[in-house]
């Protein structure tokens, strides 16, 4: 193995779905039976269920991605928007349409952002696997569907993790094959998952004040059940650090597909700011709107859920203090709350929250949308959240957006000094 980075979650399998007849997978994919499992990160979490799904035998190769960029010029290295991929996008290729010696055709494509990986999958009628799907399949070794407690298997993983990355990756078909027939789940590259921004790494208790201020909400902490598992913490630390635009030389992807037809999702598009994203939201007044309707006004924005009893009320309070500090200037500013809890945050619930906090509805807007629309907005705004036992853990955010939705300032700690936010807002107002 030349590179050892991979996505893995050590899990305890509780049950496996057993259909009467195994569905026939599409070409190049394998069938993964679903079931219940308990992920490493949640010490007290309930078991999670994964439905059966199909996934690619190998990672997407440079050659396959080259065919994609030929057909979709907007994803060529010289044309991709920086809002979709950073400056390292396809940096190992010799050119827009030339692979070169550092990008063997059958090696896994890397230096691709989440947005690019998602777009490739959609072009093939597929999608990125969810975190649960990837983890459920990744616990298998060559003979067992669940090798997560096998000492020999865990030792092998540590050996893979200890090997340094090299410039040129091996052929995807040389990856170690597990019992499902999947190759290279470990030992070649890390892999993007659809909900990568649902990985939160935080302290060992709520009394860890520094971590609480940076990344916490009162949904229950995401804690590993075995804090001595170095490989797991190494993996989660990387996941927790990713943003949708990141293009890393050890990060590739493979595609997945549901056994039953997937519900149509909001397609990937080229965008400059979150206001360009498609999808319909609903306001506290039960009015349908797109984020594009927020244009034309300086905004102070956050994401969260109204049932939150810990971080979200504190963030809303900070935003109200910002509103008060702006004085008359607040009349020119909009305050927005994007819900990550569409099942509970109905227009009536959002209206009740506005009344509870004595907010001015002429300035404050609460919005909710279906899960896939929320998730794409969260990635665009570099916001992380995860549903844990019915509640959410999420990062903290107060962002200042200009009239076109560009984030010009952000705070990500609870109880931060509001003066930089107020200054950022006033600076934008003076430019109007």
Protein backbone atom coordinates (compact mmCIF):
# COMPACT_ATOMS: atom_id res chain seq x y z
CA UNK A 1 0.00 0.00 0.00
CA UNK A 2 1.34 3.44 -0.92
CA UNK A 3 -1.28 5.44 0.93
CA UNK A 4 -3.08 4.47 4.03
CA UNK A 5 -5.81 6.96 4.57
CA UNK A 6 -9.38 5.68 4.52
CA UNK A 7 -12.75 6.21 6.08
CA UNK A 8 -13.53 3.70 8.79
CA UNK A 9 -15.78 3.47 11.77
CA UNK A 10 -15.40 0.64 14.21
CA UNK A 11 -18.90 -0.56 14.87
CA UNK A 12 -20.75 -3.29 16.69
CA UNK A 13 -23.23 -5.00 14.43
CA UNK A 14 -26.51 -5.80 16.13
CA UNK A 15 -28.60 -7.13 13.28
CA UNK A 16 -28.44 -7.48 9.51
CA UNK A 17 -31.35 -7.10 7.09
CA UNK A 18 -32.00 -10.32 5.24
CA UNK A 19 -34.17 -9.89 2.14
CA UNK A 20 -35.82 -12.96 0.67
CA UNK A 21 -33.84 -12.47 -2.52
CA UNK A 22 -30.60 -10.53 -2.87
CA UNK A 23 -31.09 -7.69 -5.38
CA UNK A 24 -28.85 -7.74 -8.40
CA UNK A 25 -26.42 -4.81 -8.23
CA UNK A 26 -25.77 -2.52 -11.18
CA UNK A 27 -22.55 -3.11 -13.10
CA UNK A 28 -19.46 -2.20 -11.11
CA UNK A 29 -21.34 -2.14 -7.80
CA UNK A 30 -22.01 -4.62 -5.00
CA UNK A 31 -24.99 -5.16 -2.74
CA UNK A 32 -24.54 -4.34 0.95
CA UNK A 33 -27.19 -5.78 3.29
CA UNK A 34 -28.50 -3.27 5.77
CA UNK A 35 -28.90 -3.66 9.50
CA UNK A 36 -28.41 -2.09 12.89
CA UNK A 37 -25.09 -1.03 14.33
CA UNK A 38 -23.73 1.20 17.04
CA UNK A 39 -21.04 3.66 15.89
CA UNK A 40 -17.92 4.29 17.87
CA UNK A 41 -18.45 8.02 18.36
CA UNK A 42 -21.55 7.85 20.56
CA UNK A 43 -20.88 6.37 23.97
CA UNK A 44 -24.53 6.27 24.96
CA UNK A 45 -26.14 6.43 21.51
CA UNK A 46 -28.82 4.05 20.40
CA UNK A 47 -28.16 1.68 17.53
CA UNK A 48 -28.47 3.20 14.07
CA UNK A 49 -30.17 1.49 11.15
CA UNK A 50 -28.83 1.31 7.61
CA UNK A 51 -31.04 0.17 4.76
CA UNK A 52 -29.59 -2.16 2.10
CA UNK A 53 -27.76 -0.27 -0.64
CA UNK A 54 -25.41 -0.65 -3.58
CA UNK A 55 -21.93 0.84 -3.68
CA UNK A 56 -19.05 0.88 -6.16
CA UNK A 57 -16.49 -1.90 -5.92
CA UNK A 58 -13.65 0.63 -6.21
CA UNK A 59 -13.03 4.33 -5.88
CA UNK A 60 -13.65 6.58 -8.88
CA UNK A 61 -10.49 6.73 -11.00
CA UNK A 62 -8.66 9.60 -12.69
CA UNK A 63 -9.78 8.25 -16.07
CA UNK A 64 -13.43 8.19 -15.01
CA UNK A 65 -13.24 11.71 -13.64
CA UNK A 66 -11.47 12.88 -16.82
CA UNK A 67 -14.44 11.67 -18.87
CA UNK A 68 -16.71 13.65 -16.57
CA UNK A 69 -14.82 16.95 -16.91
CA UNK A 70 -14.68 16.54 -20.68
CA UNK A 71 -18.48 16.36 -20.71
CA UNK A 72 -18.89 19.09 -18.07
CA UNK A 73 -16.44 21.94 -18.81
CA UNK A 74 -17.49 23.85 -15.69
CA UNK A 75 -15.64 21.19 -13.65
CA UNK A 76 -12.33 21.58 -15.48
CA UNK A 77 -9.42 22.72 -13.35
CA UNK A 78 -9.15 26.15 -14.97
CA UNK A 79 -12.89 26.84 -14.88
CA UNK A 80 -14.18 25.54 -11.56
CA UNK A 81 -15.46 28.19 -9.15
CA UNK A 82 -13.56 28.70 -5.91
CA UNK A 83 -16.88 28.45 -4.09
CA UNK A 84 -16.95 24.80 -5.23
CA UNK A 85 -13.30 23.74 -4.97
CA UNK A 86 -10.16 25.30 -3.54
CA UNK A 87 -6.92 26.03 -5.42
CA UNK A 88 -5.73 22.41 -5.00
CA UNK A 89 -8.50 21.06 -7.22
CA UNK A 90 -7.00 18.40 -9.54
CA UNK A 91 -3.57 19.85 -8.73
CA UNK A 92 -1.88 16.52 -9.52
CA UNK A 93 -3.17 16.51 -13.13
CA UNK A 94 -0.91 17.83 -15.87
CA UNK A 95 -3.68 20.04 -17.25
CA UNK A 96 -7.41 20.49 -17.68
CA UNK A 97 -7.69 17.39 -19.87
CA UNK A 98 -4.31 15.75 -19.32
CA UNK A 99 -3.58 13.36 -16.45
CA UNK A 100 0.22 13.14 -16.50
CA UNK A 101 2.61 10.93 -14.54
CA UNK A 102 1.29 11.94 -11.12
CA UNK A 103 -2.25 10.83 -11.95
CA UNK A 104 -2.28 7.25 -13.31
CA UNK A 105 -5.51 6.60 -15.15
CA UNK A 106 -6.61 3.69 -12.93
CA UNK A 107 -5.55 5.25 -9.64
CA UNK A 108 -8.24 6.83 -7.44
CA UNK A 109 -8.92 10.44 -8.32
CA UNK A 110 -8.01 12.78 -5.47
CA UNK A 111 -7.78 16.55 -5.06
CA UNK A 112 -11.55 16.68 -5.61
CA UNK A 113 -13.97 18.62 -3.44
CA UNK A 114 -17.21 17.31 -1.96
CA UNK A 115 -19.09 19.42 -4.49
CA UNK A 116 -17.14 17.87 -7.37
CA UNK A 117 -17.59 14.32 -6.06
CA UNK A 118 -21.30 14.92 -5.60
CA UNK A 119 -21.63 16.30 -9.14
CA UNK A 120 -19.80 13.27 -10.62
CA UNK A 121 -22.14 10.88 -8.81
CA UNK A 122 -25.24 12.74 -9.98
CA UNK A 123 -24.00 12.64 -13.58
CA UNK A 124 -23.93 8.84 -13.29
CA UNK A 125 -27.38 8.60 -11.71
CA UNK A 126 -25.78 7.79 -8.37
CA UNK A 127 -24.97 9.61 -5.13
CA UNK A 128 -22.31 9.69 -2.47
CA UNK A 129 -22.78 7.08 0.26
CA UNK A 130 -24.02 8.33 3.58
CA UNK A 131 -21.74 8.18 6.57
CA UNK A 132 -23.78 5.31 8.02
CA UNK A 133 -23.63 3.34 4.77
CA UNK A 134 -19.89 3.75 4.41
CA UNK A 135 -19.20 2.84 8.00
CA UNK A 136 -21.53 -0.16 7.91
CA UNK A 137 -19.64 -1.60 4.93
CA UNK A 138 -16.17 -0.57 6.12
CA UNK A 139 -16.16 -2.78 9.21
CA UNK A 140 -15.79 -5.93 7.09
CA UNK A 141 -12.54 -7.78 6.52
CA UNK A 142 -11.85 -10.55 4.01
CA UNK A 143 -14.00 -13.13 5.83
CA UNK A 144 -16.38 -11.36 8.22
CA UNK A 145 -18.97 -8.64 7.81
CA UNK A 146 -18.02 -7.26 11.21
CA UNK A 147 -14.33 -7.44 12.12
CA UNK A 148 -14.41 -4.36 14.33
CA UNK A 149 -13.43 -6.30 17.46
CA UNK A 150 -10.81 -8.51 15.82
CA UNK A 151 -7.38 -7.57 17.28
CA UNK A 152 -5.55 -8.72 14.14
CA UNK A 153 -7.78 -6.54 11.96
CA UNK A 154 -7.33 -3.51 14.22
CA UNK A 155 -3.58 -3.99 14.17
CA UNK A 156 -3.62 -4.09 10.38
CA UNK A 157 -5.50 -0.80 10.33
CA UNK A 158 -2.91 0.81 12.57
CA UNK A 159 -0.16 -0.41 10.24
CA UNK A 160 -1.96 1.15 7.29
CA UNK A 161 -2.36 4.43 9.14
CA UNK A 162 1.33 4.51 9.98
CA UNK A 163 2.50 4.41 6.35
CA UNK A 164 3.22 7.75 4.68
CA UNK A 165 1.39 8.96 1.60
CA UNK A 166 3.20 9.07 -1.74
CA UNK A 167 2.70 11.14 -4.85
CA UNK A 168 1.39 8.44 -7.21
CA UNK A 169 -1.37 6.14 -5.97
CA UNK A 170 -1.83 2.49 -6.89
CA UNK A 171 -4.45 1.03 -9.22
CA UNK A 172 -7.85 0.89 -7.49
CA UNK A 173 -8.08 -2.83 -8.28
CA UNK A 174 -5.06 -3.55 -6.09
CA UNK A 175 -6.94 -2.48 -2.98
CA UNK A 176 -7.58 -5.12 -0.34
CA UNK A 177 -10.89 -6.91 -0.98
CA UNK A 178 -13.36 -7.41 1.84
CA UNK A 179 -16.11 -10.00 2.25
CA UNK A 180 -18.61 -7.82 0.38
CA UNK A 181 -16.32 -7.65 -2.66
CA UNK A 182 -15.37 -4.00 -2.03
CA UNK A 183 -11.78 -3.05 -2.75
CA UNK A 184 -9.63 -0.45 -1.03
CA UNK A 185 -12.00 0.56 1.75
CA UNK A 186 -8.80 0.85 3.78
CA UNK A 187 -5.26 1.38 2.61
CA UNK A 188 -5.63 3.61 -0.47
CA UNK A 189 -7.33 6.94 0.25
CA UNK A 190 -9.87 8.58 2.52
CA UNK A 191 -13.32 8.84 0.94
CA UNK A 192 -15.93 11.58 0.86
CA UNK A 193 -19.37 10.74 2.23
CA UNK A 194 -22.58 12.62 1.58
CA UNK A 195 -23.01 13.89 5.14
CA UNK A 196 -19.34 14.44 6.00
CA UNK A 197 -20.32 17.61 7.85
CA UNK A 198 -22.19 15.47 10.39
CA UNK A 199 -18.90 14.51 12.05
CA UNK A 200 -18.18 16.50 15.19
CA UNK A 201 -15.19 15.93 17.43
CA UNK A 202 -15.37 17.39 20.88
CA UNK A 203 -14.19 17.11 24.44
CA UNK A 204 -14.72 14.42 27.02
CA UNK A 205 -17.29 16.36 29.02
CA UNK A 206 -19.41 19.47 28.99
CA UNK A 207 -17.08 20.99 31.54
CA UNK A 208 -14.39 21.30 28.86
CA UNK A 209 -15.04 25.02 28.51
CA UNK A 210 -12.76 25.75 25.56
CA UNK A 211 -14.27 23.07 23.40
CA UNK A 212 -17.78 23.92 24.54
CA UNK A 213 -17.31 27.46 23.29
CA UNK A 214 -16.04 26.33 19.91
CA UNK A 215 -18.18 23.35 18.95
CA UNK A 216 -21.09 22.18 21.00
CA UNK A 217 -24.83 22.11 21.33
CA UNK A 218 -26.87 20.47 24.03
CA UNK A 219 -27.88 17.44 22.02
CA UNK A 220 -25.53 15.05 23.77
CA UNK A 221 -21.82 14.87 23.13
CA UNK A 222 -20.31 12.76 20.38
CA UNK A 223 -17.86 10.76 22.39
CA UNK A 224 -15.84 7.73 21.43
CA UNK A 225 -16.49 4.59 23.43
CA UNK A 226 -12.79 3.70 23.37
CA UNK A 227 -10.62 6.75 23.84
CA UNK A 228 -7.50 4.63 23.40
CA UNK A 229 -8.38 3.89 19.78
CA UNK A 230 -5.84 6.11 18.07
CA UNK A 231 -6.83 5.18 14.53
CA UNK A 232 -10.44 6.14 15.16
CA UNK A 233 -9.54 9.52 16.62
CA UNK A 234 -7.15 10.20 13.74
CA UNK A 235 -9.97 9.51 11.31
CA UNK A 236 -12.55 11.60 13.15
CA UNK A 237 -10.17 14.50 13.55
CA UNK A 238 -9.78 14.66 9.77
CA UNK A 239 -13.50 14.36 9.09
CA UNK A 240 -14.25 17.04 11.61
CA UNK A 241 -11.83 19.42 9.86
CA UNK A 242 -13.17 19.06 6.33
CA UNK A 243 -15.02 21.70 4.36
CA UNK A 244 -16.94 21.10 1.14
CA UNK A 245 -14.36 22.96 -0.96
CA UNK A 246 -11.32 21.09 0.34
CA UNK A 247 -9.27 19.20 -2.24
CA UNK A 248 -6.78 16.85 -0.59
CA UNK A 249 -4.25 14.50 -2.17
CA UNK A 250 -5.34 11.60 0.03
CA UNK A 251 -9.10 12.11 -0.35
CA UNK A 252 -11.15 10.43 -3.07
CA UNK A 253 -14.64 8.90 -3.29
CA UNK A 254 -16.84 6.08 -4.52
CA UNK A 255 -20.53 6.24 -5.42
CA UNK A 256 -23.59 4.54 -3.99
CA UNK A 257 -27.19 3.92 -4.98
CA UNK A 258 -30.28 2.93 -3.00
CA UNK A 259 -31.89 -0.45 -3.63
CA UNK A 260 -35.24 1.29 -3.94
CA UNK A 261 -35.28 4.36 -6.21
CA UNK A 262 -33.84 7.42 -4.49
CA UNK A 263 -36.17 10.32 -3.83
CA UNK A 264 -35.09 13.06 -6.27
CA UNK A 265 -32.61 15.37 -4.59
CA UNK A 266 -31.70 18.97 -5.22
CA UNK A 267 -29.04 18.75 -7.97
CA UNK A 268 -25.60 20.25 -7.61
CA UNK A 269 -25.17 23.61 -9.30
CA UNK A 270 -22.42 26.13 -9.73
CA UNK A 271 -22.83 28.79 -7.09
CA UNK A 272 -20.93 31.73 -5.71
CA UNK A 273 -22.80 32.18 -2.43
CA UNK A 274 -25.43 30.23 -0.51
CA UNK A 275 -28.04 32.56 -2.01
CA UNK A 276 -27.46 30.87 -5.38
CA UNK A 277 -28.53 27.46 -4.06
CA UNK A 278 -31.79 25.95 -5.32
CA UNK A 279 -34.55 24.64 -3.13
CA UNK A 280 -37.63 26.04 -1.44
CA UNK A 281 -37.69 27.14 2.18
CA UNK A 282 -40.70 28.17 4.28
CA UNK A 283 -40.75 31.15 6.60
CA UNK A 284 -42.38 31.54 10.00
CA UNK A 285 -45.30 33.07 8.08
CA UNK A 286 -45.58 29.83 6.07
CA UNK A 287 -44.49 31.62 2.91
CA UNK A 288 -42.40 29.70 0.33
CA UNK A 289 -39.17 31.35 -0.73
CA UNK A 290 -35.67 30.70 -2.00
CA UNK A 291 -32.51 31.91 -0.31
CA UNK A 292 -32.09 34.25 -3.28
CA UNK A 293 -34.90 36.35 -1.80
CA UNK A 294 -32.53 37.30 1.04
CA UNK A 295 -30.43 39.34 -1.39
CA UNK A 296 -30.38 43.10 -1.18
CA UNK A 297 -29.93 43.42 2.57
CA UNK A 298 -27.04 42.94 4.95
CA UNK A 299 -27.78 39.85 7.08
CA UNK A 300 -26.67 38.39 10.37
CA UNK A 301 -27.33 34.67 10.07
CA UNK A 302 -27.15 31.50 12.13
CA UNK A 303 -28.26 27.87 11.85
CA UNK A 304 -29.77 25.75 14.61
CA UNK A 305 -33.00 24.26 15.95
CA UNK A 306 -35.65 25.82 18.15
CA UNK A 307 -35.85 22.85 20.55
CA UNK A 308 -32.24 23.47 21.57
CA UNK A 309 -31.85 24.39 25.24
CA UNK A 310 -28.14 25.09 25.29
CA UNK A 311 -26.25 26.81 22.48
CA UNK A 312 -29.04 28.11 20.24
CA UNK A 313 -30.72 30.35 22.85
CA UNK A 314 -27.30 31.81 23.67
CA UNK A 315 -26.59 32.45 19.99
CA UNK A 316 -29.97 34.10 19.49
CA UNK A 317 -29.33 36.22 22.56
CA UNK A 318 -25.96 37.29 21.13
CA UNK A 319 -27.67 38.22 17.87
CA UNK A 320 -30.22 40.31 19.76
CA UNK A 321 -27.37 42.08 21.54
CA UNK A 322 -25.86 42.77 18.12
CA UNK A 323 -29.22 44.16 17.00
CA UNK A 324 -29.35 46.44 20.06
CA UNK A 325 -25.75 47.59 19.61
CA UNK A 326 -26.50 48.64 16.02
CA UNK A 327 -29.14 51.09 17.21
CA UNK A 328 -30.93 52.75 14.30
CA UNK A 329 -28.64 50.94 11.86
CA UNK A 330 -30.48 47.72 12.74
CA UNK A 331 -33.39 48.96 10.62
CA UNK A 332 -31.24 48.26 7.55
CA UNK A 333 -30.21 44.76 8.67
CA UNK A 334 -31.95 41.40 8.47
CA UNK A 335 -31.49 38.62 11.03
CA UNK A 336 -31.94 35.05 9.77
CA UNK A 337 -32.22 31.67 11.47
CA UNK A 338 -31.96 28.62 9.17
CA UNK A 339 -33.42 25.55 10.87
CA UNK A 340 -31.69 22.17 10.73
CA UNK A 341 -34.79 20.51 12.21
CA UNK A 342 -37.49 20.57 9.49
CA UNK A 343 -39.58 17.88 11.15
CA UNK A 344 -40.17 19.96 14.27
CA UNK A 345 -39.58 23.55 13.16
CA UNK A 346 -42.94 24.23 11.58
CA UNK A 347 -44.06 27.79 10.81
CA UNK A 348 -46.08 27.76 14.04
CA UNK A 349 -43.08 26.65 16.10
CA UNK A 350 -40.80 29.23 14.49
CA UNK A 351 -43.40 31.96 15.11
CA UNK A 352 -43.64 30.88 18.74
CA UNK A 353 -39.85 31.21 19.07
CA UNK A 354 -39.92 34.72 17.65
CA UNK A 355 -42.62 35.69 20.16
CA UNK A 356 -40.78 33.98 23.03
CA UNK A 357 -37.62 35.98 22.36
CA UNK A 358 -39.58 39.19 21.68
CA UNK A 359 -38.06 39.58 18.23
CA UNK A 360 -39.16 42.13 15.65
CA UNK A 361 -40.64 40.06 12.75
CA UNK A 362 -39.85 42.92 10.38
CA UNK A 363 -36.14 42.18 10.93
CA UNK A 364 -36.10 38.52 11.92
CA UNK A 365 -36.74 35.63 9.56
CA UNK A 366 -36.86 31.96 10.54
CA UNK A 367 -36.66 29.47 7.67
CA UNK A 368 -37.06 25.70 7.40
CA UNK A 369 -36.57 23.35 4.43
CA UNK A 370 -36.33 19.62 3.60
CA UNK A 371 -33.23 17.84 4.85
CA UNK A 372 -31.33 17.71 1.54
CA UNK A 373 -31.80 21.45 1.00
CA UNK A 374 -30.64 22.21 4.54
CA UNK A 375 -27.59 19.99 4.18
CA UNK A 376 -26.40 21.65 0.98
CA UNK A 377 -26.80 25.09 2.57
CA UNK A 378 -24.90 23.90 5.66
CA UNK A 379 -21.98 22.71 3.54
CA UNK A 380 -21.94 26.01 1.65
CA UNK A 381 -21.83 27.88 4.97
CA UNK A 382 -19.25 25.51 6.56
CA UNK A 383 -21.72 24.46 9.25
CA UNK A 384 -21.64 21.01 10.88
CA UNK A 385 -24.56 19.23 12.53
CA UNK A 386 -25.67 15.72 13.38
CA UNK A 387 -28.84 14.14 14.71
CA UNK A 388 -28.07 12.11 17.83
CA UNK A 389 -30.86 10.28 19.65
CA UNK A 390 -33.52 12.69 18.47
CA UNK A 391 -31.60 15.93 19.08
CA UNK A 392 -28.83 17.78 17.29
CA UNK A 393 -25.19 18.40 18.01
CA UNK A 394 -23.94 21.25 15.86
CA UNK A 395 -21.27 23.88 15.46
CA UNK A 396 -21.91 27.43 16.57
CA UNK A 397 -22.24 30.15 13.97
CA UNK A 398 -22.97 33.85 13.72
CA UNK A 399 -22.19 34.99 10.18
CA UNK A 400 -22.35 38.44 8.60
CA UNK A 401 -23.40 38.30 4.93
CA UNK A 402 -23.27 41.11 2.44
CA UNK A 403 -26.16 41.97 0.13
CA UNK A 404 -25.22 39.13 -2.25
CA UNK A 405 -24.76 36.50 0.44
CA UNK A 406 -20.96 36.56 0.73
CA UNK A 407 -19.79 35.75 4.24
CA UNK A 408 -17.58 38.66 5.28
CA UNK A 409 -17.26 37.77 8.97
CA UNK A 410 -18.07 34.79 11.16
CA UNK A 411 -17.94 33.90 14.86
CA UNK A 412 -17.90 30.26 15.92
CA UNK A 413 -17.65 30.46 19.71
CA UNK A 414 -20.37 30.96 22.28
CA UNK A 415 -20.33 34.22 24.15
CA UNK A 416 -17.89 35.85 21.73
CA UNK A 417 -17.26 39.58 21.76
CA UNK A 418 -20.01 41.07 19.58
CA UNK A 419 -18.01 44.16 18.64
CA UNK A 420 -16.29 42.57 15.59
CA UNK A 421 -19.71 41.52 14.29
CA UNK A 422 -21.17 44.98 14.80
CA UNK A 423 -18.14 46.54 13.13
CA UNK A 424 -18.43 44.16 10.15
CA UNK A 425 -22.11 45.03 9.72
CA UNK A 426 -21.50 48.79 9.92
CA UNK A 427 -18.63 48.53 7.43
CA UNK A 428 -21.01 46.92 4.92
CA UNK A 429 -23.68 49.52 5.56
CA UNK A 430 -21.28 52.38 4.83
CA UNK A 431 -20.55 50.89 1.39
CA UNK A 432 -24.18 50.97 0.29
